[in-house]
PDB file of N, CA and C in Angstrom:
ATOM      1  N   UNK A   1      -7.436  66.027 -25.657  1.00  0.00           N
ATOM      2  CA  UNK A   1      -8.327  66.868 -24.892  1.00  0.00           C
ATOM      3  C   UNK A   1      -9.102  66.013 -23.901  1.00  0.00           C
ATOM      4  N   UNK A   2      -9.081  66.396 -22.644  1.00  0.00           N
ATOM      5  CA  UNK A   2      -9.839  65.678 -21.635  1.00  0.00           C
ATOM      6  C   UNK A   2     -10.993  66.539 -21.161  1.00  0.00           C
ATOM      7  N   UNK A   3     -12.049  65.880 -20.823  1.00  0.00           N
ATOM      8  CA  UNK A   3     -13.230  66.568 -20.326  1.00  0.00           C
ATOM      9  C   UNK A   3     -13.519  66.056 -18.928  1.00  0.00           C
ATOM     10  N   UNK A   4     -13.830  66.949 -18.028  1.00  0.00           N
ATOM     11  CA  UNK A   4     -14.177  66.537 -16.680  1.00  0.00           C
ATOM     12  C   UNK A   4     -15.658  66.793 -16.450  1.00  0.00           C
ATOM     13  N   UNK A   5     -16.240  65.971 -15.634  1.00  0.00           N
ATOM     14  CA  UNK A   5     -17.650  66.117 -15.306  1.00  0.00           C
ATOM     15  C   UNK A   5     -17.813  67.056 -14.123  1.00  0.00           C
ATOM     16  N   UNK A   6     -18.903  67.785 -14.129  1.00  0.00           N
ATOM     17  CA  UNK A   6     -19.195  68.600 -12.947  1.00  0.00           C
ATOM     18  C   UNK A   6     -19.625  67.657 -11.821  1.00  0.00           C
ATOM     19  N   UNK A   7     -19.643  68.149 -10.607  1.00  0.00           N
ATOM     20  CA  UNK A   7     -19.925  67.316  -9.436  1.00  0.00           C
ATOM     21  C   UNK A   7     -21.295  66.663  -9.518  1.00  0.00           C
ATOM     22  N   UNK A   8     -22.318  67.410  -9.931  1.00  0.00           N
ATOM     23  CA  UNK A   8     -23.678  66.855  -9.997  1.00  0.00           C
ATOM     24  C   UNK A   8     -23.744  65.680 -10.976  1.00  0.00           C
ATOM     25  N   UNK A   9     -23.119  65.811 -12.123  1.00  0.00           N
ATOM     26  CA  UNK A   9     -23.123  64.738 -13.116  1.00  0.00           C
ATOM     27  C   UNK A   9     -22.322  63.545 -12.607  1.00  0.00           C
ATOM     28  N   UNK A  10     -21.200  63.814 -11.992  1.00  0.00           N
ATOM     29  CA  UNK A  10     -20.383  62.752 -11.432  1.00  0.00           C
ATOM     30  C   UNK A  10     -21.143  61.988 -10.344  1.00  0.00           C
ATOM     31  N   UNK A  11     -21.853  62.699  -9.485  1.00  0.00           N
ATOM     32  CA  UNK A  11     -22.657  62.071  -8.431  1.00  0.00           C
ATOM     33  C   UNK A  11     -23.754  61.198  -9.036  1.00  0.00           C
ATOM     34  N   UNK A  12     -24.399  61.699 -10.075  1.00  0.00           N
ATOM     35  CA  UNK A  12     -25.473  60.960 -10.738  1.00  0.00           C
ATOM     36  C   UNK A  12     -24.938  59.665 -11.348  1.00  0.00           C
ATOM     37  N   UNK A  13     -23.841  59.757 -12.071  1.00  0.00           N
ATOM     38  CA  UNK A  13     -23.236  58.578 -12.699  1.00  0.00           C
ATOM     39  C   UNK A  13     -22.816  57.569 -11.632  1.00  0.00           C
ATOM     40  N   UNK A  14     -22.210  58.034 -10.569  1.00  0.00           N
ATOM     41  CA  UNK A  14     -21.766  57.142  -9.497  1.00  0.00           C
ATOM     42  C   UNK A  14     -22.936  56.414  -8.857  1.00  0.00           C
ATOM     43  N   UNK A  15     -24.010  57.139  -8.575  1.00  0.00           N
ATOM     44  CA  UNK A  15     -25.174  56.530  -7.942  1.00  0.00           C
ATOM     45  C   UNK A  15     -25.819  55.502  -8.869  1.00  0.00           C
ATOM     46  N   UNK A  16     -26.026  55.867 -10.115  1.00  0.00           N
ATOM     47  CA  UNK A  16     -26.692  54.962 -11.056  1.00  0.00           C
ATOM     48  C   UNK A  16     -25.862  53.693 -11.255  1.00  0.00           C
ATOM     49  N   UNK A  17     -24.558  53.837 -11.361  1.00  0.00           N
ATOM     50  CA  UNK A  17     -23.675  52.679 -11.493  1.00  0.00           C
ATOM     51  C   UNK A  17     -23.768  51.787 -10.261  1.00  0.00           C
ATOM     52  N   UNK A  18     -23.767  52.406  -9.094  1.00  0.00           N
ATOM     53  CA  UNK A  18     -23.871  51.667  -7.835  1.00  0.00           C
ATOM     54  C   UNK A  18     -25.177  50.889  -7.758  1.00  0.00           C
ATOM     55  N   UNK A  19     -26.291  51.522  -8.086  1.00  0.00           N
ATOM     56  CA  UNK A  19     -27.596  50.875  -7.967  1.00  0.00           C
ATOM     57  C   UNK A  19     -27.749  49.739  -8.981  1.00  0.00           C
ATOM     58  N   UNK A  20     -27.264  49.926 -10.190  1.00  0.00           N
ATOM     59  CA  UNK A  20     -27.348  48.846 -11.183  1.00  0.00           C
ATOM     60  C   UNK A  20     -26.545  47.635 -10.700  1.00  0.00           C
ATOM     61  N   UNK A  21     -25.373  47.872 -10.159  1.00  0.00           N
ATOM     62  CA  UNK A  21     -24.542  46.792  -9.629  1.00  0.00           C
ATOM     63  C   UNK A  21     -25.225  46.115  -8.445  1.00  0.00           C
ATOM     64  N   UNK A  22     -25.816  46.887  -7.569  1.00  0.00           N
ATOM     65  CA  UNK A  22     -26.533  46.342  -6.412  1.00  0.00           C
ATOM     66  C   UNK A  22     -27.734  45.506  -6.867  1.00  0.00           C
ATOM     67  N   UNK A  23     -28.471  46.014  -7.844  1.00  0.00           N
ATOM     68  CA  UNK A  23     -29.616  45.291  -8.394  1.00  0.00           C
ATOM     69  C   UNK A  23     -29.160  43.953  -8.972  1.00  0.00           C
ATOM     70  N   UNK A  24     -28.066  43.978  -9.718  1.00  0.00           N
ATOM     71  CA  UNK A  24     -27.527  42.754 -10.319  1.00  0.00           C
ATOM     72  C   UNK A  24     -27.161  41.725  -9.249  1.00  0.00           C
ATOM     73  N   UNK A  25     -26.497  42.154  -8.215  1.00  0.00           N
ATOM     74  CA  UNK A  25     -26.106  41.231  -7.141  1.00  0.00           C
ATOM     75  C   UNK A  25     -27.324  40.656  -6.433  1.00  0.00           C
ATOM     76  N   UNK A  26     -28.296  41.503  -6.149  1.00  0.00           N
ATOM     77  CA  UNK A  26     -29.480  41.064  -5.416  1.00  0.00           C
ATOM     78  C   UNK A  26     -30.281  40.018  -6.178  1.00  0.00           C
ATOM     79  N   UNK A  27     -30.308  40.142  -7.485  1.00  0.00           N
ATOM     80  CA  UNK A  27     -31.098  39.220  -8.303  1.00  0.00           C
ATOM     81  C   UNK A  27     -30.225  38.229  -9.074  1.00  0.00           C
ATOM     82  N   UNK A  28     -28.970  38.103  -8.616  1.00  0.00           N
ATOM     83  CA  UNK A  28     -28.028  37.123  -9.165  1.00  0.00           C
ATOM     84  C   UNK A  28     -27.935  37.196 -10.686  1.00  0.00           C
ATOM     85  N   UNK A  29     -27.667  38.407 -11.158  1.00  0.00           N
ATOM     86  CA  UNK A  29     -27.525  38.665 -12.590  1.00  0.00           C
ATOM     87  C   UNK A  29     -26.148  39.253 -12.842  1.00  0.00           C
ATOM     88  N   UNK A  30     -25.678  39.132 -14.068  1.00  0.00           N
ATOM     89  CA  UNK A  30     -24.491  39.871 -14.458  1.00  0.00           C
ATOM     90  C   UNK A  30     -24.890  41.341 -14.568  1.00  0.00           C
ATOM     91  N   UNK A  31     -23.943  42.231 -14.353  1.00  0.00           N
ATOM     92  CA  UNK A  31     -24.238  43.664 -14.395  1.00  0.00           C
ATOM     93  C   UNK A  31     -24.809  44.074 -15.751  1.00  0.00           C
ATOM     94  N   UNK A  32     -24.242  43.553 -16.817  1.00  0.00           N
ATOM     95  CA  UNK A  32     -24.741  43.881 -18.156  1.00  0.00           C
ATOM     96  C   UNK A  32     -26.194  43.421 -18.322  1.00  0.00           C
ATOM     97  N   UNK A  33     -26.505  42.213 -17.832  1.00  0.00           N
ATOM     98  CA  UNK A  33     -27.870  41.701 -17.927  1.00  0.00           C
ATOM     99  C   UNK A  33     -28.841  42.546 -17.096  1.00  0.00           C
ATOM    100  N   UNK A  34     -28.386  42.984 -15.932  1.00  0.00           N
ATOM    101  CA  UNK A  34     -29.229  43.856 -15.095  1.00  0.00           C
ATOM    102  C   UNK A  34     -29.504  45.172 -15.812  1.00  0.00           C
ATOM    103  N   UNK A  35     -28.473  45.740 -16.425  1.00  0.00           N
ATOM    104  CA  UNK A  35     -28.638  46.981 -17.186  1.00  0.00           C
ATOM    105  C   UNK A  35     -29.669  46.793 -18.302  1.00  0.00           C
ATOM    106  N   UNK A  36     -29.528  45.711 -19.067  1.00  0.00           N
ATOM    107  CA  UNK A  36     -30.449  45.457 -20.177  1.00  0.00           C
ATOM    108  C   UNK A  36     -31.872  45.211 -19.682  1.00  0.00           C
ATOM    109  N   UNK A  37     -31.998  44.505 -18.561  1.00  0.00           N
ATOM    110  CA  UNK A  37     -33.310  44.262 -17.955  1.00  0.00           C
ATOM    111  C   UNK A  37     -33.955  45.574 -17.521  1.00  0.00           C
ATOM    112  N   UNK A  38     -33.195  46.402 -16.813  1.00  0.00           N
ATOM    113  CA  UNK A  38     -33.713  47.692 -16.362  1.00  0.00           C
ATOM    114  C   UNK A  38     -34.085  48.581 -17.545  1.00  0.00           C
ATOM    115  N   UNK A  39     -33.296  48.525 -18.589  1.00  0.00           N
ATOM    116  CA  UNK A  39     -33.583  49.312 -19.785  1.00  0.00           C
ATOM    117  C   UNK A  39     -34.876  48.834 -20.454  1.00  0.00           C
ATOM    118  N   UNK A  40     -35.016  47.526 -20.584  1.00  0.00           N
ATOM    119  CA  UNK A  40     -36.178  46.946 -21.276  1.00  0.00           C
ATOM    120  C   UNK A  40     -37.485  47.229 -20.541  1.00  0.00           C
ATOM    121  N   UNK A  41     -37.466  47.188 -19.220  1.00  0.00           N
ATOM    122  CA  UNK A  41     -38.699  47.296 -18.439  1.00  0.00           C
ATOM    123  C   UNK A  41     -38.888  48.628 -17.718  1.00  0.00           C
ATOM    124  N   UNK A  42     -38.191  49.661 -18.168  1.00  0.00           N
ATOM    125  CA  UNK A  42     -38.426  51.006 -17.666  1.00  0.00           C
ATOM    126  C   UNK A  42     -37.709  51.390 -16.389  1.00  0.00           C
ATOM    127  N   UNK A  43     -36.905  50.492 -15.854  1.00  0.00           N
ATOM    128  CA  UNK A  43     -36.176  50.795 -14.632  1.00  0.00           C
ATOM    129  C   UNK A  43     -35.162  51.914 -14.804  1.00  0.00           C
ATOM    130  N   UNK A  44     -34.482  51.926 -15.938  1.00  0.00           N
ATOM    131  CA  UNK A  44     -33.495  52.985 -16.178  1.00  0.00           C
ATOM    132  C   UNK A  44     -34.173  54.342 -16.331  1.00  0.00           C
ATOM    133  N   UNK A  45     -35.280  54.388 -17.033  1.00  0.00           N
ATOM    134  CA  UNK A  45     -36.006  55.653 -17.166  1.00  0.00           C
ATOM    135  C   UNK A  45     -36.408  56.168 -15.792  1.00  0.00           C
ATOM    136  N   UNK A  46     -36.916  55.272 -14.959  1.00  0.00           N
ATOM    137  CA  UNK A  46     -37.306  55.631 -13.597  1.00  0.00           C
ATOM    138  C   UNK A  46     -36.093  56.123 -12.806  1.00  0.00           C
ATOM    139  N   UNK A  47     -34.999  55.417 -12.947  1.00  0.00           N
ATOM    140  CA  UNK A  47     -33.776  55.772 -12.231  1.00  0.00           C
ATOM    141  C   UNK A  47     -33.258  57.140 -12.647  1.00  0.00           C
ATOM    142  N   UNK A  48     -33.215  57.404 -13.944  1.00  0.00           N
ATOM    143  CA  UNK A  48     -32.754  58.709 -14.418  1.00  0.00           C
ATOM    144  C   UNK A  48     -33.693  59.834 -13.978  1.00  0.00           C
ATOM    145  N   UNK A  49     -34.971  59.564 -13.976  1.00  0.00           N
ATOM    146  CA  UNK A  49     -35.949  60.591 -13.606  1.00  0.00           C
ATOM    147  C   UNK A  49     -35.926  60.899 -12.106  1.00  0.00           C
ATOM    148  N   UNK A  50     -35.734  59.869 -11.289  1.00  0.00           N
ATOM    149  CA  UNK A  50     -35.875  60.042  -9.835  1.00  0.00           C
ATOM    150  C   UNK A  50     -34.580  59.829  -9.052  1.00  0.00           C
ATOM    151  N   UNK A  51     -33.450  59.869  -9.724  1.00  0.00           N
ATOM    152  CA  UNK A  51     -32.197  59.544  -9.052  1.00  0.00           C
ATOM    153  C   UNK A  51     -31.928  60.430  -7.843  1.00  0.00           C
ATOM    154  N   UNK A  52     -32.279  61.695  -7.934  1.00  0.00           N
ATOM    155  CA  UNK A  52     -31.970  62.611  -6.832  1.00  0.00           C
ATOM    156  C   UNK A  52     -32.688  62.195  -5.548  1.00  0.00           C
ATOM    157  N   UNK A  53     -33.944  61.841  -5.667  1.00  0.00           N
ATOM    158  CA  UNK A  53     -34.698  61.384  -4.502  1.00  0.00           C
ATOM    159  C   UNK A  53     -34.196  60.022  -4.047  1.00  0.00           C
ATOM    160  N   UNK A  54     -33.983  59.118  -4.969  1.00  0.00           N
ATOM    161  CA  UNK A  54     -33.549  57.767  -4.628  1.00  0.00           C
ATOM    162  C   UNK A  54     -32.200  57.748  -3.927  1.00  0.00           C
ATOM    163  N   UNK A  55     -31.313  58.649  -4.294  1.00  0.00           N
ATOM    164  CA  UNK A  55     -29.973  58.604  -3.687  1.00  0.00           C
ATOM    165  C   UNK A  55     -29.969  59.081  -2.243  1.00  0.00           C
ATOM    166  N   UNK A  56     -31.048  59.722  -1.807  1.00  0.00           N
ATOM    167  CA  UNK A  56     -31.123  60.157  -0.409  1.00  0.00           C
ATOM    168  C   UNK A  56     -31.727  59.089   0.494  1.00  0.00           C
ATOM    169  N   UNK A  57     -32.280  58.046  -0.104  1.00  0.00           N
ATOM    170  CA  UNK A  57     -32.903  56.954   0.634  1.00  0.00           C
ATOM    171  C   UNK A  57     -31.893  55.831   0.864  1.00  0.00           C
ATOM    172  N   UNK A  58     -32.290  54.882   1.663  1.00  0.00           N
ATOM    173  CA  UNK A  58     -31.523  53.654   1.824  1.00  0.00           C
ATOM    174  C   UNK A  58     -31.487  52.961   0.461  1.00  0.00           C
ATOM    175  N   UNK A  59     -30.321  52.510   0.001  1.00  0.00           N
ATOM    176  CA  UNK A  59     -30.244  51.857  -1.312  1.00  0.00           C
ATOM    177  C   UNK A  59     -31.211  50.679  -1.469  1.00  0.00           C
ATOM    178  N   UNK A  60     -31.550  50.028  -0.372  1.00  0.00           N
ATOM    179  CA  UNK A  60     -32.516  48.932  -0.400  1.00  0.00           C
ATOM    180  C   UNK A  60     -33.831  49.395  -1.019  1.00  0.00           C
ATOM    181  N   UNK A  61     -34.297  50.567  -0.632  1.00  0.00           N
ATOM    182  CA  UNK A  61     -35.579  51.069  -1.135  1.00  0.00           C
ATOM    183  C   UNK A  61     -35.480  51.491  -2.593  1.00  0.00           C
ATOM    184  N   UNK A  62     -34.342  51.993  -3.003  1.00  0.00           N
ATOM    185  CA  UNK A  62     -34.139  52.331  -4.417  1.00  0.00           C
ATOM    186  C   UNK A  62     -34.208  51.065  -5.260  1.00  0.00           C
ATOM    187  N   UNK A  63     -33.573  50.009  -4.770  1.00  0.00           N
ATOM    188  CA  UNK A  63     -33.597  48.733  -5.483  1.00  0.00           C
ATOM    189  C   UNK A  63     -35.026  48.192  -5.567  1.00  0.00           C
ATOM    190  N   UNK A  64     -35.762  48.271  -4.490  1.00  0.00           N
ATOM    191  CA  UNK A  64     -37.144  47.787  -4.488  1.00  0.00           C
ATOM    192  C   UNK A  64     -38.021  48.617  -5.418  1.00  0.00           C
ATOM    193  N   UNK A  65     -37.787  49.910  -5.492  1.00  0.00           N
ATOM    194  CA  UNK A  65     -38.541  50.771  -6.411  1.00  0.00           C
ATOM    195  C   UNK A  65     -38.253  50.377  -7.857  1.00  0.00           C
ATOM    196  N   UNK A  66     -37.011  50.043  -8.165  1.00  0.00           N
ATOM    197  CA  UNK A  66     -36.664  49.585  -9.513  1.00  0.00           C
ATOM    198  C   UNK A  66     -37.346  48.264  -9.821  1.00  0.00           C
ATOM    199  N   UNK A  67     -37.334  47.349  -8.856  1.00  0.00           N
ATOM    200  CA  UNK A  67     -37.993  46.055  -9.042  1.00  0.00           C
ATOM    201  C   UNK A  67     -39.476  46.262  -9.349  1.00  0.00           C
ATOM    202  N   UNK A  68     -40.135  47.089  -8.544  1.00  0.00           N
ATOM    203  CA  UNK A  68     -41.571  47.326  -8.715  1.00  0.00           C
ATOM    204  C   UNK A  68     -41.862  47.992 -10.064  1.00  0.00           C
ATOM    205  N   UNK A  69     -41.037  48.941 -10.446  1.00  0.00           N
ATOM    206  CA  UNK A  69     -41.212  49.608 -11.731  1.00  0.00           C
ATOM    207  C   UNK A  69     -41.104  48.596 -12.872  1.00  0.00           C
ATOM    208  N   UNK A  70     -40.077  47.774 -12.840  1.00  0.00           N
ATOM    209  CA  UNK A  70     -39.899  46.767 -13.893  1.00  0.00           C
ATOM    210  C   UNK A  70     -41.040  45.759 -13.883  1.00  0.00           C
ATOM    211  N   UNK A  71     -41.434  45.308 -12.708  1.00  0.00           N
ATOM    212  CA  UNK A  71     -42.532  44.355 -12.596  1.00  0.00           C
ATOM    213  C   UNK A  71     -43.813  44.936 -13.189  1.00  0.00           C
ATOM    214  N   UNK A  72     -44.089  46.186 -12.881  1.00  0.00           N
ATOM    215  CA  UNK A  72     -45.289  46.850 -13.403  1.00  0.00           C
ATOM    216  C   UNK A  72     -45.239  47.040 -14.914  1.00  0.00           C
ATOM    217  N   UNK A  73     -44.041  46.976 -15.482  1.00  0.00           N
ATOM    218  CA  UNK A  73     -43.875  47.133 -16.934  1.00  0.00           C
ATOM    219  C   UNK A  73     -43.628  45.794 -17.636  1.00  0.00           C
ATOM    220  N   UNK A  74     -43.935  44.695 -16.963  1.00  0.00           N
ATOM    221  CA  UNK A  74     -43.834  43.382 -17.600  1.00  0.00           C
ATOM    222  C   UNK A  74     -42.634  42.546 -17.229  1.00  0.00           C
ATOM    223  N   UNK A  75     -41.772  43.060 -16.382  1.00  0.00           N
ATOM    224  CA  UNK A  75     -40.602  42.288 -15.943  1.00  0.00           C
ATOM    225  C   UNK A  75     -41.025  41.132 -15.054  1.00  0.00           C
ATOM    226  N   UNK A  76     -40.286  40.052 -15.113  1.00  0.00           N
ATOM    227  CA  UNK A  76     -40.685  38.860 -14.387  1.00  0.00           C
ATOM    228  C   UNK A  76     -39.751  38.481 -13.253  1.00  0.00           C
ATOM    229  N   UNK A  77     -38.743  39.259 -12.943  1.00  0.00           N
ATOM    230  CA  UNK A  77     -37.817  38.903 -11.858  1.00  0.00           C
ATOM    231  C   UNK A  77     -38.372  39.341 -10.541  1.00  0.00           C
TER     232      UNK A  77
END
């Protein structure tokens, strides 16, 4: 049995995957480490909550918003 995602869910997954990868590259981290960092310091929660708004902006600003969110929650990168 195969399950397909609706377009909205597929768009959300694609965007979140893209931003995590972009964040990892920008801060010279492995993708897994970036994911764990974002998870630990609230970046993923922020991303899931605000993905719709963030995906309409320049990805640069989404990345900076994640950085600021993590920094405000104790992240040191």
